[in-house]
Amino acid sequence: MRRDLVWDGCHNVRDLGGLRAAGGRRTRWGAVVRSDTPDRLTASGWAAAAAHGVRTIVDLRIPGEHHADPGHRPPGMTVVSLPLDSRDDPGHGRYNGTPFYLRHHLDSLPHRSARVLRAIAQAPPGGVLVHCVAGRDRTGLIAILLLALAGVAPEDILDDYERSATRLSALYALLGQPDDAVRVRARLEAAGTTTTAVVTELLAGLDVEERLRAGGLTAAELDALRERLTVVDEGGSQDAGVVVAVEDGRGAAR
């Protein structure tokens, strides 16, 4: 299985599985998938999501960002709406859409991220799809927290975050819009920094357990997340090409 997934209609979909984690474990294939908005998924795209094991969808968007009906979403998928932002938040619009958003949000609103991770921990068996609009910064923040909690190496967490810039270029081209990576790069250059530097600095100073506990997660919920996210590493390599079975998000193969 490849981490980058092809679901017709989405352009920034990947499984968080297959990464080496702490304690001789690895992140579990099929447990959590991150993506851009699934509103554009075709019938075959939704079928691919279902075949991948997705049973819960955590929607991070705010009201007004929903521009499509559920369309071809198959039965048996539960949608949990947990907006990560509000237009009334301090700094809204100033940091959004750039890597600066990550630290700002963690410092200002840790409870918002914590409730998303709680929803993932408490989801019924099956894969969890987490998305916003582009699947880059809000979804990227949740992915960073999940991978850091699992004990994934900082360079692998950075690589996961940076993949979005490449994956989204095709979407902007399809929509006839300028590649947003150009705008982001200009903002970073004006501040004398880079995406790599911003995310690396964030991870270097991140006590993920402390931050999530500050947001309201309990020790039991943190343990449940780790159990859902990881399995014992039996020697498989990262980004391995093929696995025989995809797990259902809680350890059962299908």
Protein backbone atom coordinates (compact mmCIF):
# COMPACT_ATOMS: atom_id res chain seq x y z
CA MET A 1 0.00 0.00 0.00
CA ARG A 2 1.16 3.51 -0.84
CA ARG A 3 0.50 6.37 1.53
CA ASP A 4 -0.59 8.63 -1.34
CA LEU A 5 -4.05 7.45 -2.39
CA VAL A 6 -5.94 7.91 -5.64
CA TRP A 7 -9.60 8.70 -5.03
CA ASP A 8 -11.29 10.21 -8.05
CA GLY A 9 -12.22 13.81 -7.25
CA CYS A 10 -9.73 14.36 -4.41
CA HIS A 11 -6.16 15.50 -4.92
CA ASN A 12 -4.51 15.46 -1.50
CA VAL A 13 -5.36 12.09 0.06
CA ARG A 14 -2.94 9.95 2.04
CA ASP A 15 -2.94 7.27 4.67
CA LEU A 16 -0.98 8.05 7.85
CA GLY A 17 0.07 4.40 8.09
CA GLY A 18 3.43 2.78 7.50
CA LEU A 19 5.65 5.18 9.48
CA ARG A 20 8.03 4.04 12.19
CA ALA A 21 6.77 5.08 15.61
CA ALA A 22 8.07 4.95 19.18
CA GLY A 23 8.57 1.75 21.16
CA GLY A 24 9.16 -0.58 18.23
CA ARG A 25 5.81 0.21 16.64
CA ARG A 26 4.60 1.66 13.35
CA THR A 27 1.57 3.70 12.38
CA ARG A 28 -1.36 1.51 11.42
CA TRP A 29 -2.50 1.31 7.82
CA GLY A 30 -6.12 2.35 7.41
CA ALA A 31 -6.54 3.93 10.85
CA VAL A 32 -6.48 7.60 9.78
CA VAL A 33 -6.57 9.12 6.30
CA ARG A 34 -6.15 12.84 5.64
CA SER A 35 -7.57 14.61 2.61
CA ASP A 36 -8.84 17.70 0.92
CA THR A 37 -12.62 18.14 0.86
CA PRO A 38 -14.44 14.99 -0.24
CA ASP A 39 -17.23 17.14 -1.70
CA ARG A 40 -15.65 16.63 -5.14
CA LEU A 41 -15.45 12.84 -4.92
CA THR A 42 -17.14 10.98 -7.75
CA ALA A 43 -19.04 7.75 -7.23
CA SER A 44 -15.84 5.79 -7.89
CA GLY A 45 -13.94 8.08 -5.50
CA TRP A 46 -16.42 7.38 -2.71
CA ALA A 47 -16.25 3.68 -3.52
CA ALA A 48 -12.47 3.83 -3.13
CA ALA A 49 -12.84 5.53 0.26
CA ALA A 50 -15.28 2.85 1.40
CA ALA A 51 -13.02 0.08 0.09
CA HIS A 52 -10.14 1.61 2.05
CA GLY A 53 -12.16 1.13 5.20
CA VAL A 54 -13.34 4.68 5.95
CA ARG A 55 -16.34 4.59 8.27
CA THR A 56 -16.06 7.96 10.08
CA ILE A 57 -15.47 11.38 8.50
CA VAL A 58 -14.24 14.24 10.70
CA ASP A 59 -14.99 17.54 8.97
CA LEU A 60 -12.86 20.47 10.18
CA ARG A 61 -14.52 23.14 8.03
CA ILE A 62 -16.46 26.13 9.32
CA PRO A 63 -20.00 26.99 8.15
CA GLY A 64 -19.89 28.58 4.71
CA GLU A 65 -17.15 26.31 3.41
CA HIS A 66 -19.57 23.56 2.42
CA HIS A 67 -20.28 23.98 -1.27
CA ALA A 68 -21.60 20.58 -2.29
CA ASP A 69 -24.21 18.04 -1.26
CA PRO A 70 -23.08 14.69 0.13
CA GLY A 71 -23.52 13.39 -3.42
CA HIS A 72 -22.35 9.82 -3.80
CA ARG A 73 -21.29 9.25 -0.17
CA PRO A 74 -22.20 5.64 0.56
CA PRO A 75 -24.33 4.59 3.54
CA GLY A 76 -22.49 3.48 6.63
CA MET A 77 -20.23 6.52 6.92
CA THR A 78 -20.76 8.81 9.91
CA VAL A 79 -19.87 12.50 9.55
CA VAL A 80 -18.67 14.36 12.64
CA SER A 81 -18.49 18.14 12.21
CA LEU A 82 -15.82 19.72 14.42
CA PRO A 83 -14.81 23.12 13.03
CA LEU A 84 -11.21 23.83 13.94
CA ASP A 85 -11.62 27.56 13.38
CA SER A 86 -14.09 30.38 13.78
CA ARG A 87 -14.14 33.67 11.94
CA ASP A 88 -14.17 35.34 15.37
CA ASP A 89 -10.89 33.74 16.46
CA PRO A 90 -8.00 36.13 17.21
CA GLY A 91 -5.64 36.08 14.27
CA HIS A 92 -8.18 34.51 11.89
CA GLY A 93 -7.09 35.40 8.38
CA ARG A 94 -3.67 36.57 9.48
CA TYR A 95 -2.14 33.12 9.89
CA ASN A 96 -4.61 30.90 8.03
CA GLY A 97 -3.32 29.27 4.90
CA THR A 98 0.33 29.36 5.97
CA PRO A 99 2.54 27.20 8.21
CA PHE A 100 2.40 30.00 10.81
CA TYR A 101 -1.13 28.80 11.51
CA LEU A 102 0.16 25.66 13.23
CA ARG A 103 1.85 27.20 16.26
CA HIS A 104 -0.69 30.00 16.53
CA HIS A 105 -3.56 27.53 16.74
CA LEU A 106 -1.81 25.22 19.20
CA ASP A 107 -0.95 28.15 21.47
CA SER A 108 -4.36 29.79 21.29
CA LEU A 109 -6.90 27.00 20.91
CA PRO A 110 -5.54 23.64 22.09
CA HIS A 111 -9.04 22.50 23.09
CA ARG A 112 -10.18 22.59 19.45
CA SER A 113 -7.47 20.15 18.38
CA ALA A 114 -8.07 18.02 21.48
CA ARG A 115 -11.75 17.52 20.69
CA VAL A 116 -10.86 16.37 17.17
CA LEU A 117 -8.41 13.81 18.55
CA ARG A 118 -11.03 12.71 21.07
CA ALA A 119 -13.45 12.06 18.22
CA ILE A 120 -10.82 9.96 16.46
CA ALA A 121 -10.11 7.98 19.63
CA GLN A 122 -13.81 7.33 20.22
CA ALA A 123 -14.80 6.55 16.62
CA PRO A 124 -16.31 3.13 16.00
CA PRO A 125 -14.23 0.44 14.29
CA GLY A 126 -13.07 1.41 10.82
CA GLY A 127 -10.92 4.07 9.27
CA VAL A 128 -11.26 7.77 10.07
CA LEU A 129 -11.03 10.38 7.32
CA VAL A 130 -9.99 13.86 8.52
CA HIS A 131 -10.37 16.77 6.11
CA CYS A 132 -10.80 20.51 5.74
CA VAL A 133 -10.88 22.25 2.32
CA ALA A 134 -7.39 21.84 0.87
CA GLY A 135 -6.32 19.28 3.46
CA ARG A 136 -3.15 21.21 4.17
CA ASP A 137 -3.04 23.36 7.31
CA ARG A 138 -6.02 22.43 9.50
CA THR A 139 -5.80 18.80 8.49
CA GLY A 140 -2.03 19.13 8.63
CA LEU A 141 -2.18 20.29 12.24
CA ILE A 142 -4.24 17.25 13.27
CA ALA A 143 -1.86 14.96 11.38
CA ILE A 144 1.14 16.53 13.13
CA LEU A 145 -0.43 15.93 16.53
CA LEU A 146 -1.39 12.35 15.73
CA LEU A 147 2.04 11.46 14.36
CA ALA A 148 3.88 13.23 17.19
CA LEU A 149 1.75 11.39 19.75
CA ALA A 150 2.65 8.11 18.05
CA GLY A 151 6.33 9.00 18.33
CA VAL A 152 7.00 9.36 14.59
CA ALA A 153 10.34 11.02 13.81
CA PRO A 154 10.20 14.80 13.17
CA GLU A 155 11.62 14.42 9.66
CA ASP A 156 8.80 12.02 8.73
CA ILE A 157 6.17 14.36 10.19
CA LEU A 158 7.67 17.23 8.19
CA ASP A 159 7.65 15.13 5.04
CA ASP A 160 3.97 14.34 5.53
CA TYR A 161 3.12 18.04 5.93
CA GLU A 162 5.17 19.11 2.91
CA ARG A 163 3.57 16.52 0.62
CA SER A 164 0.44 18.65 0.42
CA ALA A 165 2.12 21.40 -1.60
CA THR A 166 2.97 18.91 -4.34
CA ARG A 167 -0.34 17.07 -4.24
CA LEU A 168 -2.41 20.27 -4.46
CA SER A 169 -0.71 21.73 -7.54
CA ALA A 170 -2.85 19.54 -9.81
CA LEU A 171 -6.04 20.73 -8.09
CA TYR A 172 -5.24 24.42 -8.58
CA ALA A 173 -4.43 23.73 -12.23
CA LEU A 174 -7.74 21.90 -12.66
CA LEU A 175 -9.64 24.80 -11.10
CA GLY A 176 -7.76 27.34 -13.23
CA GLN A 177 -6.41 29.04 -10.11
CA PRO A 178 -2.86 30.15 -9.27
CA ASP A 179 -0.90 27.56 -7.34
CA ASP A 180 -1.30 28.64 -3.71
CA ALA A 181 2.22 27.41 -2.94
CA VAL A 182 3.48 30.58 -4.62
CA ARG A 183 1.55 32.79 -2.17
CA VAL A 184 2.67 30.73 0.81
CA ARG A 185 6.29 30.87 -0.29
CA ALA A 186 6.08 34.66 -0.64
CA ARG A 187 4.70 34.99 2.91
CA LEU A 188 7.49 32.83 4.26
CA GLU A 189 10.18 34.68 2.33
CA ALA A 190 8.86 38.00 3.64
CA ALA A 191 9.31 36.62 7.16
CA GLY A 192 12.76 35.29 6.36
CA THR A 193 11.89 31.65 6.87
CA THR A 194 10.72 28.45 5.15
CA THR A 195 8.11 25.77 5.68
CA THR A 196 10.85 23.38 6.76
CA ALA A 197 12.14 25.82 9.37
CA VAL A 198 8.68 26.67 10.75
CA VAL A 199 7.56 23.06 11.13
CA THR A 200 10.93 21.87 12.44
CA GLU A 201 10.94 24.58 15.11
CA LEU A 202 7.37 23.69 16.09
CA LEU A 203 8.21 20.01 16.48
CA ALA A 204 11.43 20.72 18.39
CA GLY A 205 9.51 22.51 21.13
CA LEU A 206 6.34 20.42 21.09
CA ASP A 207 5.38 18.43 24.17
CA VAL A 208 2.39 16.87 22.47
CA GLU A 209 0.99 15.17 25.57
CA GLU A 210 1.17 18.39 27.59
CA ARG A 211 -0.53 20.36 24.82
CA LEU A 212 -3.33 17.86 24.40
CA ARG A 213 -3.87 17.55 28.15
CA ALA A 214 -4.10 21.34 28.26
CA GLY A 215 -6.84 20.97 25.67
CA GLY A 216 -8.74 18.53 27.86
CA LEU A 217 -7.65 15.04 26.79
CA THR A 218 -7.21 12.50 29.55
CA ALA A 219 -4.39 9.97 29.92
CA ALA A 220 -6.84 7.21 28.99
CA GLU A 221 -7.83 9.03 25.79
CA LEU A 222 -4.17 9.53 24.85
CA ASP A 223 -3.55 5.82 25.36
CA ALA A 224 -6.59 4.96 23.27
CA LEU A 225 -5.30 7.15 20.45
CA ARG A 226 -1.89 5.48 20.48
CA GLU A 227 -3.52 2.07 20.43
CA ARG A 228 -5.69 3.05 17.48
CA LEU A 229 -2.81 4.67 15.61
CA THR A 230 -0.05 2.10 16.00
CA VAL A 231 0.78 -1.59 15.87
CA VAL A 232 3.90 -3.57 16.69
CA ASP A 233 6.42 -3.18 13.88
CA GLU A 234 7.13 -6.62 12.49
CA GLY A 235 9.87 -5.40 10.20
CA GLY A 236 7.92 -3.76 7.38
CA SER A 237 9.54 -0.75 5.73
CA GLN A 238 8.08 2.72 5.53
CA ASP A 239 6.02 3.41 2.42
CA ALA A 240 6.24 -0.26 1.53
CA GLY A 241 4.73 -0.98 -1.85
CA VAL A 242 2.20 -3.68 -0.96
CA VAL A 243 0.51 -5.13 2.08
CA VAL A 244 -1.81 -8.09 1.94
CA ALA A 245 -4.57 -6.69 4.14
CA VAL A 246 -5.68 -3.28 5.31
CA GLU A 247 -6.56 -3.04 8.99
CA ASP A 248 -9.87 -1.61 10.06
CA GLY A 249 -8.47 1.14 12.28
CA ARG A 250 -8.60 -0.93 15.48
CA GLY A 251 -6.45 -3.85 14.43
CA ALA A 252 -8.78 -6.18 12.58
CA ALA A 253 -7.64 -7.01 9.06
CA ARG A 254 -10.09 -7.08 6.21
